[in-house]
Amino acid sequence: MRTSAEIDVPTREWDGPAGFDRFAAQGRFAVPDVKRFRATWRSVVVDGVQLGEWTTSPISGAQRPGATGPTAPTVFLVTVVEGSFRYWSEGRAIDARGGSLHLVSSTDAVRFAVPEPTRLLRVAVPGAFLPQEIRAATASTIGQVPATRVTAGLTSLVEQVLDPVLGGPASPAARAVRALAVAALEDSVPEAAEHDLRSQILDHIERHLGDPDLGPQSIAAAFGISLRWVHHVFNVDGASVARHIRERRLDMVAAQLQSDRRFPRIGALAERSGFAARDQLTRAFKARYGMTIAEYAERASEGRAPVPLRSSGDAEDEETA
């Protein structure tokens, strides 16, 4: 049996105020309690594929967009092992809970917020390793993808390779990493036609957020497809169409509160953002942010606008969308 000293799985640690200062030098991040901040990053590269484990206390920040080449961005498969987090990509919020799997592109400026101690496994695959059709489909962030036997096998393999005692790039498990990582990506990407249609639906939603009639039925009519197919194509990341519309409308309201020095009338806010009534907006806003619109506006004016970490159920989504 090899000892941990013989295994090359480098680990970086950040702890407390000094640790956060070093960590924050890498990008824009915020934590609720600097004294309790703690994060670790363990990673190893096997056949050009990077396997990493990130553990962190509550934190928020953003991934800087980047690419490994002009046509070959890196694709990240991220497994939430413990805890949860929320991230934003292409104008949509995605809840990542324990046991879920997510496909993220390095070309996107993804924002994230981790509300509780969380452990993630990340597999970074250069786009050059992927078939052309898979590379094209993963050029932007997809969000949550279904877990399969292949992806479950990859997660187990990553745990073994990152094991500080028996793992490492020379371990038996490492030999299958690259092939299984590519297979997991091929298994995770939705059909190209569905992916393209979903992108068109997202664009349609962004253009019509202020329309109070925007919803699954109006989308189905606009694209000439069935209501069932709208839900099937859209529901890649586990969020309903109605919930996505509601949260994008709330994003729009929050952005206006942050940019407008004068407190706007709530009725006018509701009308501009597509909510059918003032009461719908106020209930949905408080459910997501944990405070009233007036309280949020006051904090925003002080530069302390909170990150949304709440989402109500589908029943309320259907009402507010």
C-alpha atoms as a PDB file:
ATOM      1  CA  MET A   1       0.000   0.000   0.000  1.00  0.00           C
ATOM      2  CA  ARG A   2       1.303   3.426  -0.893  1.00  0.00           C
ATOM      3  CA  THR A   3       1.380   6.203   1.671  1.00  0.00           C
ATOM      4  CA  SER A   4      -0.107   9.650   1.140  1.00  0.00           C
ATOM      5  CA  ALA A   5       3.406  11.096   0.892  1.00  0.00           C
ATOM      6  CA  GLU A   6       3.974   9.063  -2.281  1.00  0.00           C
ATOM      7  CA  ILE A   7       0.858  10.353  -4.030  1.00  0.00           C
ATOM      8  CA  ASP A   8       0.902  13.564  -6.033  1.00  0.00           C
ATOM      9  CA  VAL A   9      -2.562  15.045  -5.437  1.00  0.00           C
ATOM     10  CA  PRO A  10      -1.773  18.687  -4.541  1.00  0.00           C
ATOM     11  CA  THR A  11      -4.118  20.402  -2.101  1.00  0.00           C
ATOM     12  CA  ARG A  12      -4.486  24.144  -1.568  1.00  0.00           C
ATOM     13  CA  GLU A  13      -6.131  25.530   1.561  1.00  0.00           C
ATOM     14  CA  TRP A  14      -7.538  28.943   2.486  1.00  0.00           C
ATOM     15  CA  ASP A  15      -8.559  29.639   6.057  1.00  0.00           C
ATOM     16  CA  GLY A  16      -9.811  32.724   7.909  1.00  0.00           C
ATOM     17  CA  PRO A  17      -9.258  36.385   6.974  1.00  0.00           C
ATOM     18  CA  ALA A  18      -5.722  35.876   5.666  1.00  0.00           C
ATOM     19  CA  GLY A  19      -6.826  32.870   3.659  1.00  0.00           C
ATOM     20  CA  PHE A  20      -9.725  34.790   2.148  1.00  0.00           C
ATOM     21  CA  ASP A  21      -7.417  37.651   1.171  1.00  0.00           C
ATOM     22  CA  ARG A  22      -5.265  35.185  -0.751  1.00  0.00           C
ATOM     23  CA  PHE A  23      -8.306  33.475  -2.265  1.00  0.00           C
ATOM     24  CA  ALA A  24     -10.007  36.751  -3.241  1.00  0.00           C
ATOM     25  CA  ALA A  25      -6.898  37.835  -5.131  1.00  0.00           C
ATOM     26  CA  GLN A  26      -7.904  35.327  -7.824  1.00  0.00           C
ATOM     27  CA  GLY A  27     -11.213  37.019  -8.621  1.00  0.00           C
ATOM     28  CA  ARG A  28     -14.250  38.818  -7.203  1.00  0.00           C
ATOM     29  CA  PHE A  29     -15.680  36.950  -4.212  1.00  0.00           C
ATOM     30  CA  ALA A  30     -17.678  37.710  -1.071  1.00  0.00           C
ATOM     31  CA  VAL A  31     -18.296  35.774   2.156  1.00  0.00           C
ATOM     32  CA  PRO A  32     -20.779  36.389   4.994  1.00  0.00           C
ATOM     33  CA  ASP A  33     -18.165  35.725   7.714  1.00  0.00           C
ATOM     34  CA  VAL A  34     -14.487  36.135   6.867  1.00  0.00           C
ATOM     35  CA  LYS A  35     -13.369  34.711  10.213  1.00  0.00           C
ATOM     36  CA  ARG A  36     -15.119  31.416   9.496  1.00  0.00           C
ATOM     37  CA  PHE A  37     -14.104  31.209   5.854  1.00  0.00           C
ATOM     38  CA  ARG A  38     -12.495  27.930   4.840  1.00  0.00           C
ATOM     39  CA  ALA A  39     -11.952  26.414   1.406  1.00  0.00           C
ATOM     40  CA  THR A  40      -9.795  23.673  -0.070  1.00  0.00           C
ATOM     41  CA  TRP A  41      -8.968  22.668  -3.634  1.00  0.00           C
ATOM     42  CA  ARG A  42      -7.468  19.256  -4.446  1.00  0.00           C
ATOM     43  CA  SER A  43      -6.726  18.499  -8.083  1.00  0.00           C
ATOM     44  CA  VAL A  44      -4.729  16.344 -10.448  1.00  0.00           C
ATOM     45  CA  VAL A  45      -4.409  16.190 -14.237  1.00  0.00           C
ATOM     46  CA  VAL A  46      -4.737  12.780 -15.878  1.00  0.00           C
ATOM     47  CA  ASP A  47      -4.224  12.487 -19.665  1.00  0.00           C
ATOM     48  CA  GLY A  48      -5.091  16.164 -20.101  1.00  0.00           C
ATOM     49  CA  VAL A  49      -8.301  15.944 -18.019  1.00  0.00           C
ATOM     50  CA  GLN A  50      -8.298  17.810 -14.714  1.00  0.00           C
ATOM     51  CA  LEU A  51     -10.041  16.216 -11.749  1.00  0.00           C
ATOM     52  CA  GLY A  52     -10.706  18.456  -8.777  1.00  0.00           C
ATOM     53  CA  GLU A  53     -12.477  18.558  -5.439  1.00  0.00           C
ATOM     54  CA  TRP A  54     -13.598  21.900  -3.994  1.00  0.00           C
ATOM     55  CA  THR A  55     -14.910  22.294  -0.471  1.00  0.00           C
ATOM     56  CA  THR A  56     -16.011  25.679   0.816  1.00  0.00           C
ATOM     57  CA  SER A  57     -17.923  27.490   3.517  1.00  0.00           C
ATOM     58  CA  PRO A  58     -20.602  29.988   2.307  1.00  0.00           C
ATOM     59  CA  ILE A  59     -19.272  32.194  -0.495  1.00  0.00           C
ATOM     60  CA  SER A  60     -20.400  33.976  -3.658  1.00  0.00           C
ATOM     61  CA  GLY A  61     -18.489  35.067  -6.732  1.00  0.00           C
ATOM     62  CA  ALA A  62     -18.053  34.497 -10.453  1.00  0.00           C
ATOM     63  CA  GLN A  63     -16.188  32.278 -12.881  1.00  0.00           C
ATOM     64  CA  ARG A  64     -14.096  34.269 -15.307  1.00  0.00           C
ATOM     65  CA  PRO A  65     -14.772  33.269 -18.918  1.00  0.00           C
ATOM     66  CA  GLY A  66     -11.839  31.686 -20.710  1.00  0.00           C
ATOM     67  CA  ALA A  67     -10.997  29.028 -23.276  1.00  0.00           C
ATOM     68  CA  THR A  68      -8.242  26.577 -24.066  1.00  0.00           C
ATOM     69  CA  GLY A  69      -8.234  27.682 -27.677  1.00  0.00           C
ATOM     70  CA  PRO A  70     -10.233  29.628 -30.284  1.00  0.00           C
ATOM     71  CA  THR A  71     -12.644  26.768 -31.001  1.00  0.00           C
ATOM     72  CA  ALA A  72     -12.106  24.428 -28.064  1.00  0.00           C
ATOM     73  CA  PRO A  73     -13.432  25.723 -24.742  1.00  0.00           C
ATOM     74  CA  THR A  74     -13.052  23.577 -21.660  1.00  0.00           C
ATOM     75  CA  VAL A  75     -16.197  21.762 -20.542  1.00  0.00           C
ATOM     76  CA  PHE A  76     -16.816  21.241 -16.828  1.00  0.00           C
ATOM     77  CA  LEU A  77     -18.871  18.398 -15.394  1.00  0.00           C
ATOM     78  CA  VAL A  78     -19.665  19.394 -11.800  1.00  0.00           C
ATOM     79  CA  THR A  79     -21.145  16.997  -9.237  1.00  0.00           C
ATOM     80  CA  VAL A  80     -22.614  18.343  -5.995  1.00  0.00           C
ATOM     81  CA  VAL A  81     -21.542  15.768  -3.405  1.00  0.00           C
ATOM     82  CA  GLU A  82     -22.642  17.651  -0.283  1.00  0.00           C
ATOM     83  CA  GLY A  83     -24.448  20.940   0.289  1.00  0.00           C
ATOM     84  CA  SER A  84     -25.914  23.107  -2.467  1.00  0.00           C
ATOM     85  CA  PHE A  85     -25.349  26.229  -4.499  1.00  0.00           C
ATOM     86  CA  ARG A  86     -27.035  28.406  -7.098  1.00  0.00           C
ATOM     87  CA  TYR A  87     -25.461  29.726 -10.251  1.00  0.00           C
ATOM     88  CA  TRP A  88     -26.505  32.064 -13.042  1.00  0.00           C
ATOM     89  CA  SER A  89     -25.705  31.542 -16.707  1.00  0.00           C
ATOM     90  CA  GLU A  90     -27.152  33.215 -19.793  1.00  0.00           C
ATOM     91  CA  GLY A  91     -29.769  35.045 -17.739  1.00  0.00           C
ATOM     92  CA  ARG A  92     -31.125  32.024 -15.882  1.00  0.00           C
ATOM     93  CA  ALA A  93     -30.749  30.821 -12.314  1.00  0.00           C
ATOM     94  CA  ILE A  94     -29.991  27.145 -11.683  1.00  0.00           C
ATOM     95  CA  ASP A  95     -30.267  25.455  -8.290  1.00  0.00           C
ATOM     96  CA  ALA A  96     -27.575  22.836  -7.755  1.00  0.00           C
ATOM     97  CA  ARG A  97     -28.484  20.474  -4.936  1.00  0.00           C
ATOM     98  CA  GLY A  98     -26.750  17.443  -3.473  1.00  0.00           C
ATOM     99  CA  GLY A  99     -26.487  14.565  -5.937  1.00  0.00           C
ATOM    100  CA  SER A 100     -27.083  16.719  -9.020  1.00  0.00           C
ATOM    101  CA  LEU A 101     -24.788  16.956 -12.044  1.00  0.00           C
ATOM    102  CA  HIS A 102     -24.142  20.121 -14.056  1.00  0.00           C
ATOM    103  CA  LEU A 103     -22.494  20.879 -17.384  1.00  0.00           C
ATOM    104  CA  VAL A 104     -20.777  24.280 -17.525  1.00  0.00           C
ATOM    105  CA  SER A 105     -18.701  25.920 -20.270  1.00  0.00           C
ATOM    106  CA  SER A 106     -15.527  27.871 -19.537  1.00  0.00           C
ATOM    107  CA  THR A 107     -16.607  30.519 -22.050  1.00  0.00           C
ATOM    108  CA  ASP A 108     -19.469  31.745 -19.827  1.00  0.00           C
ATOM    109  CA  ALA A 109     -19.121  34.321 -17.053  1.00  0.00           C
ATOM    110  CA  VAL A 110     -21.030  32.163 -14.569  1.00  0.00           C
ATOM    111  CA  ARG A 111     -21.991  33.790 -11.242  1.00  0.00           C
ATOM    112  CA  PHE A 112     -22.558  31.568  -8.213  1.00  0.00           C
ATOM    113  CA  ALA A 113     -23.594  31.679  -4.558  1.00  0.00           C
ATOM    114  CA  VAL A 114     -22.952  28.895  -2.029  1.00  0.00           C
ATOM    115  CA  PRO A 115     -25.283  29.327   0.995  1.00  0.00           C
ATOM    116  CA  GLU A 116     -23.928  26.429   3.068  1.00  0.00           C
ATOM    117  CA  PRO A 117     -20.772  24.300   3.445  1.00  0.00           C
ATOM    118  CA  THR A 118     -20.511  22.445   0.159  1.00  0.00           C
ATOM    119  CA  ARG A 119     -18.306  19.853  -1.521  1.00  0.00           C
ATOM    120  CA  LEU A 120     -18.073  19.643  -5.320  1.00  0.00           C
ATOM    121  CA  LEU A 121     -16.267  17.354  -7.716  1.00  0.00           C
ATOM    122  CA  ARG A 122     -15.228  18.937 -11.024  1.00  0.00           C
ATOM    123  CA  VAL A 123     -14.025  17.259 -14.203  1.00  0.00           C
ATOM    124  CA  ALA A 124     -12.544  19.672 -16.762  1.00  0.00           C
ATOM    125  CA  VAL A 125     -12.339  18.261 -20.294  1.00  0.00           C
ATOM    126  CA  PRO A 126     -10.655  20.313 -23.061  1.00  0.00           C
ATOM    127  CA  GLY A 127     -12.977  20.718 -26.027  1.00  0.00           C
ATOM    128  CA  ALA A 128     -10.269  19.346 -28.322  1.00  0.00           C
ATOM    129  CA  PHE A 129     -10.924  15.894 -26.812  1.00  0.00           C
ATOM    130  CA  LEU A 130     -14.581  15.932 -27.848  1.00  0.00           C
ATOM    131  CA  PRO A 131     -16.286  14.979 -31.121  1.00  0.00           C
ATOM    132  CA  GLN A 132     -17.315  17.999 -33.191  1.00  0.00           C
ATOM    133  CA  GLU A 133     -21.056  17.674 -32.485  1.00  0.00           C
ATOM    134  CA  ILE A 134     -20.466  17.405 -28.731  1.00  0.00           C
ATOM    135  CA  ARG A 135     -18.045  20.322 -28.829  1.00  0.00           C
ATOM    136  CA  ALA A 136     -20.659  22.480 -30.561  1.00  0.00           C
ATOM    137  CA  ALA A 137     -23.414  21.487 -28.120  1.00  0.00           C
ATOM    138  CA  THR A 138     -21.252  22.302 -25.089  1.00  0.00           C
ATOM    139  CA  ALA A 139     -19.979  25.668 -26.364  1.00  0.00           C
ATOM    140  CA  SER A 140     -22.231  27.294 -23.759  1.00  0.00           C
ATOM    141  CA  THR A 141     -23.465  26.229 -20.337  1.00  0.00           C
ATOM    142  CA  ILE A 142     -26.302  23.687 -20.394  1.00  0.00           C
ATOM    143  CA  GLY A 143     -27.012  23.547 -16.662  1.00  0.00           C
ATOM    144  CA  GLN A 144     -28.216  20.450 -14.851  1.00  0.00           C
ATOM    145  CA  VAL A 145     -28.036  17.238 -16.858  1.00  0.00           C
ATOM    146  CA  PRO A 146     -29.460  13.782 -16.097  1.00  0.00           C
ATOM    147  CA  ALA A 147     -27.339  11.394 -14.070  1.00  0.00           C
ATOM    148  CA  THR A 148     -26.642   8.088 -15.829  1.00  0.00           C
ATOM    149  CA  ARG A 149     -24.606   4.986 -15.110  1.00  0.00           C
ATOM    150  CA  VAL A 150     -21.753   6.520 -17.059  1.00  0.00           C
ATOM    151  CA  THR A 151     -21.762   9.782 -15.111  1.00  0.00           C
ATOM    152  CA  ALA A 152     -22.135   7.892 -11.818  1.00  0.00           C
ATOM    153  CA  GLY A 153     -19.149   5.768 -12.805  1.00  0.00           C
ATOM    154  CA  LEU A 154     -17.114   8.877 -13.591  1.00  0.00           C
ATOM    155  CA  THR A 155     -17.947  10.410 -10.191  1.00  0.00           C
ATOM    156  CA  SER A 156     -16.810   7.238  -8.440  1.00  0.00           C
ATOM    157  CA  LEU A 157     -13.621   7.225 -10.512  1.00  0.00           C
ATOM    158  CA  VAL A 158     -12.840  10.842  -9.607  1.00  0.00           C
ATOM    159  CA  GLU A 159     -13.236  10.050  -5.896  1.00  0.00           C
ATOM    160  CA  GLN A 160     -10.752   7.195  -6.255  1.00  0.00           C
ATOM    161  CA  VAL A 161      -8.152   9.199  -8.164  1.00  0.00           C
ATOM    162  CA  LEU A 162      -8.357  12.084  -5.680  1.00  0.00           C
ATOM    163  CA  ASP A 163      -8.039   9.758  -2.692  1.00  0.00           C
ATOM    164  CA  PRO A 164      -5.019  11.044  -0.730  1.00  0.00           C
ATOM    165  CA  VAL A 165      -3.888   7.532   0.194  1.00  0.00           C
ATOM    166  CA  LEU A 166      -4.646   5.229  -2.735  1.00  0.00           C
ATOM    167  CA  GLY A 167      -5.262   7.647  -5.601  1.00  0.00           C
ATOM    168  CA  GLY A 168      -3.083   9.814  -7.788  1.00  0.00           C
ATOM    169  CA  PRO A 169      -2.378   9.880 -11.533  1.00  0.00           C
ATOM    170  CA  ALA A 170      -0.621   6.511 -11.345  1.00  0.00           C
ATOM    171  CA  SER A 171      -3.525   4.699  -9.687  1.00  0.00           C
ATOM    172  CA  PRO A 172      -5.460   1.997 -11.584  1.00  0.00           C
ATOM    173  CA  ALA A 173      -8.577   4.181 -11.608  1.00  0.00           C
ATOM    174  CA  ALA A 174      -6.714   6.958 -13.472  1.00  0.00           C
ATOM    175  CA  ARG A 175      -6.252   4.806 -16.572  1.00  0.00           C
ATOM    176  CA  ALA A 176      -9.936   5.065 -17.504  1.00  0.00           C
ATOM    177  CA  VAL A 177     -10.476   8.740 -16.670  1.00  0.00           C
ATOM    178  CA  ARG A 178     -10.191  10.330 -20.106  1.00  0.00           C
ATOM    179  CA  ALA A 179     -12.307   7.779 -21.971  1.00  0.00           C
ATOM    180  CA  LEU A 180     -15.027   7.781 -19.304  1.00  0.00           C
ATOM    181  CA  ALA A 181     -15.049  11.597 -19.071  1.00  0.00           C
ATOM    182  CA  VAL A 182     -15.659  11.932 -22.820  1.00  0.00           C
ATOM    183  CA  ALA A 183     -18.324   9.198 -22.674  1.00  0.00           C
ATOM    184  CA  ALA A 184     -20.035  10.975 -19.764  1.00  0.00           C
ATOM    185  CA  LEU A 185     -20.199  14.221 -21.748  1.00  0.00           C
ATOM    186  CA  GLU A 186     -21.618  12.435 -24.773  1.00  0.00           C
ATOM    187  CA  ASP A 187     -24.183  10.832 -22.467  1.00  0.00           C
ATOM    188  CA  SER A 188     -25.115  14.161 -20.867  1.00  0.00           C
ATOM    189  CA  VAL A 189     -25.642  16.435 -23.859  1.00  0.00           C
ATOM    190  CA  PRO A 190     -29.283  16.757 -25.000  1.00  0.00           C
ATOM    191  CA  GLU A 191     -30.156  16.122 -28.607  1.00  0.00           C
ATOM    192  CA  ALA A 192     -28.968  18.974 -30.816  1.00  0.00           C
ATOM    193  CA  ALA A 193     -32.451  19.850 -32.078  1.00  0.00           C
ATOM    194  CA  GLU A 194     -33.819  20.065 -28.534  1.00  0.00           C
ATOM    195  CA  HIS A 195     -30.826  22.112 -27.406  1.00  0.00           C
ATOM    196  CA  ASP A 196     -31.333  24.601 -30.271  1.00  0.00           C
ATOM    197  CA  LEU A 197     -35.069  24.879 -29.577  1.00  0.00           C
ATOM    198  CA  ARG A 198     -34.424  25.469 -25.894  1.00  0.00           C
ATOM    199  CA  SER A 199     -32.038  28.307 -26.767  1.00  0.00           C
ATOM    200  CA  GLN A 200     -34.724  29.842 -28.988  1.00  0.00           C
ATOM    201  CA  ILE A 201     -37.282  29.560 -26.182  1.00  0.00           C
ATOM    202  CA  LEU A 202     -34.872  31.275 -23.769  1.00  0.00           C
ATOM    203  CA  ASP A 203     -34.361  34.109 -26.264  1.00  0.00           C
ATOM    204  CA  HIS A 204     -38.137  34.426 -26.726  1.00  0.00           C
ATOM    205  CA  ILE A 205     -38.624  34.664 -22.951  1.00  0.00           C
ATOM    206  CA  GLU A 206     -35.995  37.403 -22.631  1.00  0.00           C
ATOM    207  CA  ARG A 207     -37.674  39.474 -25.349  1.00  0.00           C
ATOM    208  CA  HIS A 208     -41.153  39.164 -23.792  1.00  0.00           C
ATOM    209  CA  LEU A 209     -40.541  39.354 -20.028  1.00  0.00           C
ATOM    210  CA  GLY A 210     -42.695  42.484 -19.783  1.00  0.00           C
ATOM    211  CA  ASP A 211     -45.678  40.738 -21.369  1.00  0.00           C
ATOM    212  CA  PRO A 212     -48.060  39.556 -18.605  1.00  0.00           C
ATOM    213  CA  ASP A 213     -49.388  36.834 -20.945  1.00  0.00           C
ATOM    214  CA  LEU A 214     -45.955  35.218 -21.309  1.00  0.00           C
ATOM    215  CA  GLY A 215     -46.108  31.615 -20.133  1.00  0.00           C
ATOM    216  CA  PRO A 216     -45.874  28.005 -21.314  1.00  0.00           C
ATOM    217  CA  GLN A 217     -49.050  28.263 -23.382  1.00  0.00           C
ATOM    218  CA  SER A 218     -48.046  31.448 -25.190  1.00  0.00           C
ATOM    219  CA  ILE A 219     -44.607  29.950 -25.873  1.00  0.00           C
ATOM    220  CA  ALA A 220     -46.190  26.810 -27.326  1.00  0.00           C
ATOM    221  CA  ALA A 221     -48.374  28.972 -29.586  1.00  0.00           C
ATOM    222  CA  ALA A 222     -45.420  31.131 -30.677  1.00  0.00           C
ATOM    223  CA  PHE A 223     -43.351  28.115 -31.721  1.00  0.00           C
ATOM    224  CA  GLY A 224     -46.210  25.984 -33.032  1.00  0.00           C
ATOM    225  CA  ILE A 225     -45.486  23.097 -30.652  1.00  0.00           C
ATOM    226  CA  SER A 226     -47.460  21.314 -27.952  1.00  0.00           C
ATOM    227  CA  LEU A 227     -47.471  22.460 -24.335  1.00  0.00           C
ATOM    228  CA  ARG A 228     -46.058  19.082 -23.320  1.00  0.00           C
ATOM    229  CA  TRP A 229     -43.128  19.534 -25.724  1.00  0.00           C
ATOM    230  CA  VAL A 230     -42.393  22.984 -24.296  1.00  0.00           C
ATOM    231  CA  HIS A 231     -41.972  21.453 -20.849  1.00  0.00           C
ATOM    232  CA  HIS A 232     -39.973  18.505 -22.203  1.00  0.00           C
ATOM    233  CA  VAL A 233     -37.468  20.644 -24.118  1.00  0.00           C
ATOM    234  CA  PHE A 234     -37.097  23.308 -21.453  1.00  0.00           C
ATOM    235  CA  ASN A 235     -36.839  21.085 -18.390  1.00  0.00           C
ATOM    236  CA  VAL A 236     -33.169  20.139 -18.876  1.00  0.00           C
ATOM    237  CA  ASP A 237     -31.962  21.720 -15.628  1.00  0.00           C
ATOM    238  CA  GLY A 238     -34.912  20.714 -13.451  1.00  0.00           C
ATOM    239  CA  ALA A 239     -36.626  24.128 -13.484  1.00  0.00           C
ATOM    240  CA  SER A 240     -40.105  24.668 -14.889  1.00  0.00           C
ATOM    241  CA  VAL A 241     -40.769  27.242 -17.620  1.00  0.00           C
ATOM    242  CA  ALA A 242     -42.996  29.229 -15.264  1.00  0.00           C
ATOM    243  CA  ARG A 243     -40.351  29.324 -12.550  1.00  0.00           C
ATOM    244  CA  HIS A 244     -37.709  30.517 -14.985  1.00  0.00           C
ATOM    245  CA  ILE A 245     -39.980  33.322 -16.214  1.00  0.00           C
ATOM    246  CA  ARG A 246     -40.816  34.392 -12.671  1.00  0.00           C
ATOM    247  CA  GLU A 247     -37.177  34.468 -11.591  1.00  0.00           C
ATOM    248  CA  ARG A 248     -36.054  36.383 -14.677  1.00  0.00           C
ATOM    249  CA  ARG A 249     -38.764  38.951 -13.971  1.00  0.00           C
ATOM    250  CA  LEU A 250     -37.519  39.244 -10.397  1.00  0.00           C
ATOM    251  CA  ASP A 251     -33.966  39.639 -11.732  1.00  0.00           C
ATOM    252  CA  MET A 252     -35.239  42.544 -13.820  1.00  0.00           C
ATOM    253  CA  VAL A 253     -36.915  44.165 -10.807  1.00  0.00           C
ATOM    254  CA  ALA A 254     -33.801  43.723  -8.650  1.00  0.00           C
ATOM    255  CA  ALA A 255     -31.602  45.239 -11.374  1.00  0.00           C
ATOM    256  CA  GLN A 256     -33.840  48.302 -11.558  1.00  0.00           C
ATOM    257  CA  LEU A 257     -33.791  48.720  -7.776  1.00  0.00           C
ATOM    258  CA  GLN A 258     -29.999  48.641  -7.859  1.00  0.00           C
ATOM    259  CA  SER A 259     -29.699  51.165 -10.675  1.00  0.00           C
ATOM    260  CA  ASP A 260     -32.519  53.600  -9.763  1.00  0.00           C
ATOM    261  CA  ARG A 261     -31.707  56.008  -6.925  1.00  0.00           C
ATOM    262  CA  ARG A 262     -35.374  56.885  -6.500  1.00  0.00           C
ATOM    263  CA  PHE A 263     -37.686  54.260  -5.063  1.00  0.00           C
ATOM    264  CA  PRO A 264     -40.129  53.381  -7.883  1.00  0.00           C
ATOM    265  CA  ARG A 265     -43.827  52.723  -7.400  1.00  0.00           C
ATOM    266  CA  ILE A 266     -44.397  49.000  -6.873  1.00  0.00           C
ATOM    267  CA  GLY A 267     -47.410  49.033  -9.184  1.00  0.00           C
ATOM    268  CA  ALA A 268     -45.269  50.478 -11.990  1.00  0.00           C
ATOM    269  CA  LEU A 269     -42.556  47.902 -11.278  1.00  0.00           C
ATOM    270  CA  ALA A 270     -45.096  45.089 -11.530  1.00  0.00           C
ATOM    271  CA  GLU A 271     -46.480  46.417 -14.803  1.00  0.00           C
ATOM    272  CA  ARG A 272     -43.058  46.853 -16.448  1.00  0.00           C
ATOM    273  CA  SER A 273     -41.822  43.436 -15.347  1.00  0.00           C
ATOM    274  CA  GLY A 274     -44.842  41.464 -16.524  1.00  0.00           C
ATOM    275  CA  PHE A 275     -46.456  40.655 -13.163  1.00  0.00           C
ATOM    276  CA  ALA A 276     -50.243  40.644 -13.352  1.00  0.00           C
ATOM    277  CA  ALA A 277     -50.652  42.519 -10.078  1.00  0.00           C
ATOM    278  CA  ARG A 278     -48.716  44.401  -7.416  1.00  0.00           C
ATOM    279  CA  ASP A 279     -49.462  41.707  -4.808  1.00  0.00           C
ATOM    280  CA  GLN A 280     -47.989  38.979  -7.016  1.00  0.00           C
ATOM    281  CA  LEU A 281     -44.752  40.893  -7.321  1.00  0.00           C
ATOM    282  CA  THR A 282     -44.436  41.658  -3.619  1.00  0.00           C
ATOM    283  CA  ARG A 283     -45.109  38.036  -2.588  1.00  0.00           C
ATOM    284  CA  ALA A 284     -42.722  36.569  -5.163  1.00  0.00           C
ATOM    285  CA  PHE A 285     -39.999  39.101  -4.359  1.00  0.00           C
ATOM    286  CA  LYS A 286     -40.104  38.419  -0.617  1.00  0.00           C
ATOM    287  CA  ALA A 287     -40.159  34.645  -1.194  1.00  0.00           C
ATOM    288  CA  ARG A 288     -36.955  34.867  -3.216  1.00  0.00           C
ATOM    289  CA  TYR A 289     -34.998  37.529  -1.316  1.00  0.00           C
ATOM    290  CA  GLY A 290     -36.369  37.131   2.197  1.00  0.00           C
ATOM    291  CA  MET A 291     -37.210  40.833   2.441  1.00  0.00           C
ATOM    292  CA  THR A 292     -39.620  43.404   1.051  1.00  0.00           C
ATOM    293  CA  ILE A 293     -38.921  45.456  -2.068  1.00  0.00           C
ATOM    294  CA  ALA A 294     -38.440  48.563   0.089  1.00  0.00           C
ATOM    295  CA  GLU A 295     -35.890  46.777   2.300  1.00  0.00           C
ATOM    296  CA  TYR A 296     -34.033  45.504  -0.746  1.00  0.00           C
ATOM    297  CA  ALA A 297     -33.996  48.980  -2.316  1.00  0.00           C
ATOM    298  CA  GLU A 298     -32.543  50.445   0.880  1.00  0.00           C
ATOM    299  CA  ARG A 299     -29.771  47.852   0.993  1.00  0.00           C
ATOM    300  CA  ALA A 300     -29.104  48.274  -2.733  1.00  0.00           C
ATOM    301  CA  SER A 301     -28.664  52.031  -2.254  1.00  0.00           C
ATOM    302  CA  GLU A 302     -25.957  51.212   0.298  1.00  0.00           C
ATOM    303  CA  GLY A 303     -24.239  48.784  -2.077  1.00  0.00           C
ATOM    304  CA  ARG A 304     -25.379  45.750  -0.082  1.00  0.00           C
ATOM    305  CA  ALA A 305     -27.888  44.130  -2.446  1.00  0.00           C
ATOM    306  CA  PRO A 306     -28.281  40.469  -1.381  1.00  0.00           C
ATOM    307  CA  VAL A 307     -27.903  37.430  -3.617  1.00  0.00           C
ATOM    308  CA  PRO A 308     -31.208  35.607  -4.231  1.00  0.00           C
ATOM    309  CA  LEU A 309     -31.056  32.185  -2.625  1.00  0.00           C
ATOM    310  CA  ARG A 310     -34.715  31.275  -2.347  1.00  0.00           C
ATOM    311  CA  SER A 311     -37.212  29.859  -4.769  1.00  0.00           C
ATOM    312  CA  SER A 312     -40.862  29.100  -4.145  1.00  0.00           C
ATOM    313  CA  GLY A 313     -42.778  26.082  -5.360  1.00  0.00           C
ATOM    314  CA  ASP A 314     -44.221  25.353  -8.770  1.00  0.00           C
ATOM    315  CA  ALA A 315     -47.749  26.259  -7.676  1.00  0.00           C
ATOM    316  CA  GLU A 316     -46.759  29.846  -6.960  1.00  0.00           C
ATOM    317  CA  ASP A 317     -44.660  29.856 -10.141  1.00  0.00           C
ATOM    318  CA  GLU A 318     -47.660  29.030 -12.225  1.00  0.00           C
ATOM    319  CA  GLU A 319     -49.593  31.841 -10.574  1.00  0.00           C
ATOM    320  CA  THR A 320     -46.922  34.523 -11.045  1.00  0.00           C
ATOM    321  CA  ALA A 321     -45.883  33.505 -14.556  1.00  0.00           C
END
